[in-house]
C-alpha atoms as a PDB file:
ATOM      1  CA  MET A   1     -75.795 -91.860  -5.544  1.00  0.00           C
ATOM      2  CA  LEU A   2     -73.682 -89.300  -7.551  1.00  0.00           C
ATOM      3  CA  ARG A   3     -74.695 -86.642  -5.127  1.00  0.00           C
ATOM      4  CA  ALA A   4     -73.551 -88.506  -2.031  1.00  0.00           C
ATOM      5  CA  LYS A   5     -70.165 -89.190  -3.701  1.00  0.00           C
ATOM      6  CA  ILE A   6     -69.988 -85.414  -4.704  1.00  0.00           C
ATOM      7  CA  LEU A   7     -70.882 -84.608  -1.101  1.00  0.00           C
ATOM      8  CA  ARG A   8     -68.314 -87.111   0.522  1.00  0.00           C
ATOM      9  CA  GLY A   9     -65.526 -85.721  -1.864  1.00  0.00           C
ATOM     10  CA  ALA A  10     -66.121 -82.321  -0.736  1.00  0.00           C
ATOM     11  CA  THR A  11     -66.018 -83.200   2.793  1.00  0.00           C
ATOM     12  CA  VAL A  12     -62.851 -84.848   2.359  1.00  0.00           C
ATOM     13  CA  SER A  13     -61.418 -81.954   0.547  1.00  0.00           C
ATOM     14  CA  LEU A  14     -62.574 -79.623   3.190  1.00  0.00           C
ATOM     15  CA  GLY A  15     -60.974 -81.607   5.922  1.00  0.00           C
ATOM     16  CA  LEU A  16     -57.705 -81.843   4.102  1.00  0.00           C
ATOM     17  CA  CYS A  17     -57.921 -77.976   3.452  1.00  0.00           C
ATOM     18  CA  SER A  18     -58.512 -77.436   7.207  1.00  0.00           C
ATOM     19  CA  VAL A  19     -55.501 -79.640   8.069  1.00  0.00           C
ATOM     20  CA  ALA A  20     -53.293 -77.689   5.616  1.00  0.00           C
ATOM     21  CA  VAL A  21     -54.451 -74.329   7.043  1.00  0.00           C
ATOM     22  CA  LEU A  22     -53.826 -75.467  10.755  1.00  0.00           C
ATOM     23  CA  CYS A  23     -50.251 -76.627   9.671  1.00  0.00           C
ATOM     24  CA  ALA A  24     -49.653 -73.237   8.069  1.00  0.00           C
ATOM     25  CA  ILE A  25     -50.826 -71.301  11.027  1.00  0.00           C
ATOM     26  CA  GLY A  26     -48.570 -73.569  13.202  1.00  0.00           C
ATOM     27  CA  ALA A  27     -45.515 -72.980  11.054  1.00  0.00           C
ATOM     28  CA  ILE A  28     -46.190 -69.292  10.911  1.00  0.00           C
ATOM     29  CA  GLU A  29     -46.419 -69.237  14.818  1.00  0.00           C
ATOM     30  CA  THR A  30     -43.182 -71.329  15.089  1.00  0.00           C
ATOM     31  CA  ILE A  31     -41.257 -68.969  12.722  1.00  0.00           C
ATOM     32  CA  GLY A  32     -42.674 -65.897  14.733  1.00  0.00           C
ATOM     33  CA  ALA A  33     -41.616 -67.327  17.970  1.00  0.00           C
ATOM     34  CA  ARG A  34     -38.050 -68.044  16.622  1.00  0.00           C
ATOM     35  CA  THR A  35     -37.727 -64.489  15.262  1.00  0.00           C
ATOM     36  CA  ALA A  36     -38.753 -62.998  18.453  1.00  0.00           C
ATOM     37  CA  ARG A  37     -36.138 -64.962  20.299  1.00  0.00           C
ATOM     38  CA  ALA A  38     -33.499 -64.073  17.865  1.00  0.00           C
ATOM     39  CA  GLN A  39     -34.413 -60.340  18.451  1.00  0.00           C
ATOM     40  CA  GLU A  40     -33.937 -60.518  22.067  1.00  0.00           C
ATOM     41  CA  PRO A  41     -31.066 -58.438  23.136  1.00  0.00           C
ATOM     42  CA  THR A  42     -28.043 -60.540  24.685  1.00  0.00           C
ATOM     43  CA  PRO A  43     -27.359 -59.500  28.244  1.00  0.00           C
ATOM     44  CA  GLU A  44     -24.519 -57.098  28.675  1.00  0.00           C
ATOM     45  CA  GLY A  45     -21.529 -57.739  31.140  1.00  0.00           C
ATOM     46  CA  ILE A  46     -18.405 -59.447  31.786  1.00  0.00           C
ATOM     47  CA  GLU A  47     -17.939 -63.218  32.196  1.00  0.00           C
ATOM     48  CA  PHE A  48     -14.908 -65.216  33.071  1.00  0.00           C
ATOM     49  CA  VAL A  49     -14.484 -68.821  31.986  1.00  0.00           C
ATOM     50  CA  GLY A  50     -11.677 -71.289  33.071  1.00  0.00           C
ATOM     51  CA  SER A  51      -9.708 -73.390  30.519  1.00  0.00           C
ATOM     52  CA  GLU A  52     -10.797 -76.687  32.191  1.00  0.00           C
ATOM     53  CA  MET A  53     -11.445 -78.507  35.381  1.00  0.00           C
ATOM     54  CA  PRO A  54      -8.362 -78.415  37.853  1.00  0.00           C
ATOM     55  CA  GLY A  55      -6.633 -81.775  38.807  1.00  0.00           C
ATOM     56  CA  LEU A  56      -3.942 -82.468  41.216  1.00  0.00           C
ATOM     57  CA  ASP A  57      -1.202 -79.918  41.998  1.00  0.00           C
ATOM     58  CA  THR A  58      -2.870 -77.127  39.922  1.00  0.00           C
ATOM     59  CA  ILE A  59      -2.881 -73.371  39.986  1.00  0.00           C
ATOM     60  CA  TYR A  60      -5.609 -72.192  38.129  1.00  0.00           C
ATOM     61  CA  LEU A  61      -7.796 -68.940  37.435  1.00  0.00           C
ATOM     62  CA  ARG A  62     -11.332 -68.221  38.451  1.00  0.00           C
ATOM     63  CA  GLY A  63     -13.194 -65.053  37.865  1.00  0.00           C
ATOM     64  CA  VAL A  64     -16.131 -62.885  39.165  1.00  0.00           C
ATOM     65  CA  GLY A  65     -17.502 -60.913  36.346  1.00  0.00           C
ATOM     66  CA  SER A  66     -20.154 -57.933  36.243  1.00  0.00           C
ATOM     67  CA  THR A  67     -23.592 -57.131  34.642  1.00  0.00           C
ATOM     68  CA  ASN A  68     -21.585 -54.066  33.202  1.00  0.00           C
ATOM     69  CA  PRO A  69     -19.182 -54.438  30.413  1.00  0.00           C
ATOM     70  CA  GLY A  70     -17.220 -51.503  31.836  1.00  0.00           C
ATOM     71  CA  GLY A  71     -17.498 -52.822  35.197  1.00  0.00           C
ATOM     72  CA  LEU A  72     -14.977 -54.723  37.482  1.00  0.00           C
ATOM     73  CA  LEU A  73     -13.431 -58.215  36.827  1.00  0.00           C
ATOM     74  CA  ARG A  74     -12.008 -60.074  39.661  1.00  0.00           C
ATOM     75  CA  VAL A  75      -9.505 -62.685  38.827  1.00  0.00           C
ATOM     76  CA  GLU A  76      -8.944 -65.208  41.495  1.00  0.00           C
ATOM     77  CA  VAL A  77      -5.831 -67.445  41.513  1.00  0.00           C
ATOM     78  CA  TRP A  78      -6.682 -70.740  43.272  1.00  0.00           C
ATOM     79  CA  ALA A  79      -4.579 -73.809  44.300  1.00  0.00           C
ATOM     80  CA  ASN A  80      -6.106 -77.408  43.876  1.00  0.00           C
ATOM     81  CA  GLU A  81      -4.884 -80.408  45.791  1.00  0.00           C
ATOM     82  CA  VAL A  82      -1.372 -79.112  46.205  1.00  0.00           C
ATOM     83  CA  THR A  83       1.284 -80.653  48.658  1.00  0.00           C
ATOM     84  CA  ASP A  84       3.979 -78.699  50.553  1.00  0.00           C
ATOM     85  CA  LEU A  85       3.531 -75.512  48.529  1.00  0.00           C
ATOM     86  CA  TYR A  86       5.674 -72.841  50.264  1.00  0.00           C
ATOM     87  CA  GLY A  87       5.688 -70.192  47.505  1.00  0.00           C
ATOM     88  CA  LEU A  88       4.960 -69.195  43.820  1.00  0.00           C
ATOM     89  CA  SER A  89       5.914 -66.830  41.184  1.00  0.00           C
ATOM     90  CA  PHE A  90       4.182 -66.087  37.819  1.00  0.00           C
ATOM     91  CA  VAL A  91       3.212 -63.557  35.155  1.00  0.00           C
ATOM     92  CA  LEU A  92      -0.251 -62.827  34.658  1.00  0.00           C
ATOM     93  CA  GLN A  93      -0.806 -61.585  30.826  1.00  0.00           C
ATOM     94  CA  PHE A  94      -3.989 -59.587  30.393  1.00  0.00           C
ATOM     95  CA  PRO A  95      -5.533 -57.943  27.230  1.00  0.00           C
ATOM     96  CA  GLN A  96      -4.860 -54.090  27.621  1.00  0.00           C
ATOM     97  CA  THR A  97      -7.370 -53.664  24.753  1.00  0.00           C
ATOM     98  CA  HIS A  98     -10.481 -54.754  26.954  1.00  0.00           C
ATOM     99  CA  PHE A  99      -9.240 -54.166  30.512  1.00  0.00           C
ATOM    100  CA  ARG A 100      -7.089 -52.036  32.623  1.00  0.00           C
ATOM    101  CA  PHE A 101      -5.284 -52.796  35.846  1.00  0.00           C
ATOM    102  CA  PRO A 102      -5.757 -49.905  38.328  1.00  0.00           C
ATOM    103  CA  LYS A 103      -2.566 -49.694  40.325  1.00  0.00           C
ATOM    104  CA  MET A 104      -3.446 -47.150  42.925  1.00  0.00           C
ATOM    105  CA  ARG A 105      -6.201 -48.849  44.809  1.00  0.00           C
ATOM    106  CA  SER A 106      -5.836 -51.037  47.705  1.00  0.00           C
ATOM    107  CA  THR A 107      -8.389 -53.485  46.453  1.00  0.00           C
ATOM    108  CA  VAL A 108      -6.526 -54.177  43.065  1.00  0.00           C
ATOM    109  CA  PHE A 109      -4.571 -57.016  44.762  1.00  0.00           C
ATOM    110  CA  VAL A 110      -5.609 -58.927  47.675  1.00  0.00           C
ATOM    111  CA  GLU A 111      -3.799 -61.832  49.158  1.00  0.00           C
ATOM    112  CA  GLY A 112      -5.996 -64.786  49.966  1.00  0.00           C
ATOM    113  CA  PRO A 113      -5.837 -66.981  53.223  1.00  0.00           C
ATOM    114  CA  PHE A 114      -4.195 -70.161  51.775  1.00  0.00           C
ATOM    115  CA  LEU A 115      -0.534 -69.701  51.865  1.00  0.00           C
ATOM    116  CA  GLY A 116      -0.974 -68.106  55.579  1.00  0.00           C
ATOM    117  CA  GLU A 117      -2.569 -71.361  56.876  1.00  0.00           C
ATOM    118  CA  GLY A 118      -0.638 -73.669  59.408  1.00  0.00           C
ATOM    119  CA  GLY A 119       1.108 -70.914  61.334  1.00  0.00           C
ATOM    120  CA  GLY A 120       3.201 -69.341  58.583  1.00  0.00           C
ATOM    121  CA  ALA A 121       2.600 -65.733  57.622  1.00  0.00           C
ATOM    122  CA  SER A 122       2.258 -65.343  53.892  1.00  0.00           C
ATOM    123  CA  THR A 123       3.816 -62.150  52.150  1.00  0.00           C
ATOM    124  CA  VAL A 124       3.364 -60.740  48.693  1.00  0.00           C
ATOM    125  CA  LEU A 125       6.938 -60.430  47.480  1.00  0.00           C
ATOM    126  CA  ALA A 126       6.208 -58.313  44.225  1.00  0.00           C
ATOM    127  CA  VAL A 127       3.218 -57.055  42.183  1.00  0.00           C
ATOM    128  CA  ARG A 128       4.498 -55.012  39.218  1.00  0.00           C
ATOM    129  CA  GLN A 129       3.068 -54.247  35.914  1.00  0.00           C
ATOM    130  CA  VAL A 130       5.053 -54.069  32.838  1.00  0.00           C
ATOM    131  CA  GLY A 131       2.760 -53.293  29.926  1.00  0.00           C
ATOM    132  CA  GLN A 132       0.207 -55.976  29.698  1.00  0.00           C
ATOM    133  CA  GLU A 133       1.858 -58.231  32.264  1.00  0.00           C
ATOM    134  CA  ILE A 134       1.672 -58.341  35.831  1.00  0.00           C
ATOM    135  CA  ILE A 135       4.698 -59.887  37.577  1.00  0.00           C
ATOM    136  CA  ILE A 136       3.751 -61.674  40.930  1.00  0.00           C
ATOM    137  CA  GLY A 137       5.480 -63.491  43.713  1.00  0.00           C
ATOM    138  CA  ASN A 138       4.009 -64.856  46.971  1.00  0.00           C
ATOM    139  CA  THR A 139       5.559 -66.891  49.550  1.00  0.00           C
ATOM    140  CA  ARG A 140       5.289 -68.089  53.157  1.00  0.00           C
ATOM    141  CA  THR A 141       7.924 -66.826  55.597  1.00  0.00           C
ATOM    142  CA  GLY A 142      10.106 -68.738  58.253  1.00  0.00           C
ATOM    143  CA  GLN A 143      11.139 -72.003  59.017  1.00  0.00           C
ATOM    144  CA  VAL A 144       7.807 -73.660  58.412  1.00  0.00           C
ATOM    145  CA  PRO A 145       6.511 -76.402  55.989  1.00  0.00           C
ATOM    146  CA  GLY A 146       4.502 -75.570  52.925  1.00  0.00           C
ATOM    147  CA  VAL A 147       0.714 -75.787  52.756  1.00  0.00           C
ATOM    148  CA  SER A 148      -1.254 -78.799  51.368  1.00  0.00           C
ATOM    149  CA  GLY A 149      -4.869 -78.857  49.996  1.00  0.00           C
ATOM    150  CA  SER A 150      -6.881 -76.431  48.240  1.00  0.00           C
ATOM    151  CA  GLY A 151      -7.407 -72.565  48.692  1.00  0.00           C
ATOM    152  CA  LEU A 152      -7.460 -68.931  47.458  1.00  0.00           C
ATOM    153  CA  LEU A 153      -4.013 -67.497  46.800  1.00  0.00           C
ATOM    154  CA  MET A 154      -4.946 -64.106  45.540  1.00  0.00           C
ATOM    155  CA  THR A 155      -7.371 -61.916  43.690  1.00  0.00           C
ATOM    156  CA  LEU A 156      -6.581 -59.322  41.227  1.00  0.00           C
ATOM    157  CA  GLU A 157      -9.094 -56.521  40.224  1.00  0.00           C
ATOM    158  CA  PHE A 158      -9.351 -55.166  36.527  1.00  0.00           C
ATOM    159  CA  ARG A 159     -11.639 -52.620  35.008  1.00  0.00           C
ATOM    160  CA  GLY A 160     -13.563 -53.304  31.912  1.00  0.00           C
ATOM    161  CA  LEU A 161     -13.213 -50.824  28.958  1.00  0.00           C
ATOM    162  CA  GLY A 162     -16.413 -51.623  27.420  1.00  0.00           C
ATOM    163  CA  VAL A 163     -15.205 -53.312  24.415  1.00  0.00           C
ATOM    164  CA  ALA A 164     -16.767 -56.496  23.248  1.00  0.00           C
ATOM    165  CA  GLY A 165     -14.856 -59.833  22.757  1.00  0.00           C
ATOM    166  CA  LYS A 166     -13.332 -62.880  24.147  1.00  0.00           C
ATOM    167  CA  LYS A 167      -9.737 -62.445  25.359  1.00  0.00           C
ATOM    168  CA  ARG A 168      -7.369 -64.715  27.280  1.00  0.00           C
ATOM    169  CA  PHE A 169      -5.780 -64.195  30.784  1.00  0.00           C
ATOM    170  CA  ARG A 170      -2.674 -66.314  30.619  1.00  0.00           C
ATOM    171  CA  LEU A 171      -0.389 -67.627  33.275  1.00  0.00           C
ATOM    172  CA  ARG A 172       3.273 -67.535  31.962  1.00  0.00           C
ATOM    173  CA  ARG A 173       6.769 -67.952  33.486  1.00  0.00           C
ATOM    174  CA  THR A 174       5.388 -70.103  36.298  1.00  0.00           C
ATOM    175  CA  ASN A 175       7.107 -71.488  39.218  1.00  0.00           C
ATOM    176  CA  ALA A 176       5.788 -73.208  42.427  1.00  0.00           C
ATOM    177  CA  PHE A 177       8.367 -73.942  45.209  1.00  0.00           C
ATOM    178  CA  ASP A 178       8.217 -76.368  48.081  1.00  0.00           C
ATOM    179  CA  SER A 179       9.450 -75.811  51.673  1.00  0.00           C
ATOM    180  CA  SER A 180      12.951 -76.950  50.748  1.00  0.00           C
ATOM    181  CA  GLY A 181      13.123 -74.152  48.155  1.00  0.00           C
ATOM    182  CA  ALA A 182      13.076 -76.715  45.346  1.00  0.00           C
ATOM    183  CA  VAL A 183      11.004 -76.084  42.114  1.00  0.00           C
ATOM    184  CA  ALA A 184       8.005 -78.374  42.040  1.00  0.00           C
ATOM    185  CA  GLU A 185       8.008 -79.599  38.467  1.00  0.00           C
ATOM    186  CA  ASP A 186       4.801 -81.493  38.267  1.00  0.00           C
ATOM    187  CA  TYR A 187       2.412 -78.474  38.811  1.00  0.00           C
ATOM    188  CA  SER A 188      -0.102 -77.465  36.023  1.00  0.00           C
ATOM    189  CA  TRP A 189      -1.198 -73.997  35.589  1.00  0.00           C
ATOM    190  CA  LEU A 190      -4.592 -73.265  33.915  1.00  0.00           C
ATOM    191  CA  SER A 191      -5.363 -69.901  32.345  1.00  0.00           C
ATOM    192  CA  GLY A 192      -8.831 -68.639  31.487  1.00  0.00           C
ATOM    193  CA  LYS A 193     -10.583 -66.189  29.212  1.00  0.00           C
ATOM    194  CA  ALA A 194     -12.983 -63.198  29.577  1.00  0.00           C
ATOM    195  CA  ILE A 195     -16.088 -62.734  27.560  1.00  0.00           C
ATOM    196  CA  VAL A 196     -17.367 -59.319  27.217  1.00  0.00           C
ATOM    197  CA  THR A 197     -20.856 -58.537  25.716  1.00  0.00           C
ATOM    198  CA  VAL A 198     -22.009 -55.137  24.702  1.00  0.00           C
ATOM    199  CA  SER A 199     -25.524 -54.599  23.455  1.00  0.00           C
ATOM    200  CA  GLU A 200     -26.211 -52.903  20.327  1.00  0.00           C
ATOM    201  CA  SER A 201     -27.972 -49.506  20.570  1.00  0.00           C
ATOM    202  CA  PRO A 202     -31.155 -49.705  18.849  1.00  0.00           C
ATOM    203  CA  GLY A 203     -31.035 -48.131  15.405  1.00  0.00           C
END
């Protein structure tokens, strides 16, 4: 009888020990997997993030980044659900610590098709850089109505400097005009930010 109790007790103890060992092995494997994930390098590159979803009568920024932190960032200016938009003027403020605006290339500033829709030729009035600000004006020409709907207004091209960080591209001193020449007061203007990731060199 005593021997049977001892054997049963030993069996239970061995079973508990086996469970404890398996739990310990599982915990070690989990920690190892987490450590391996933590050591995975973050992909390099440039990402552009808008501030929020655009609503009615909104001018907003979108961006096309790069897998190279020193590559190109194309910042797009879009109109969303606008009515009778004839022209606009604004200042785009960009972070010179992380990007430069190369002024001597034809691809640096490309006008989109939206303002030219419906029979009116659109013309860039001014694209001028002053420090970290780019002054921009864009308008239709002739006795034509403004455009309505949504579409791409323009694209600006920046070159990354390979410096990591999160930096804002801001729309400032903004004005939108209807076909009568009046300022449209009810427009919203949404900025955005660029996220530059630079992988650390292995030590």
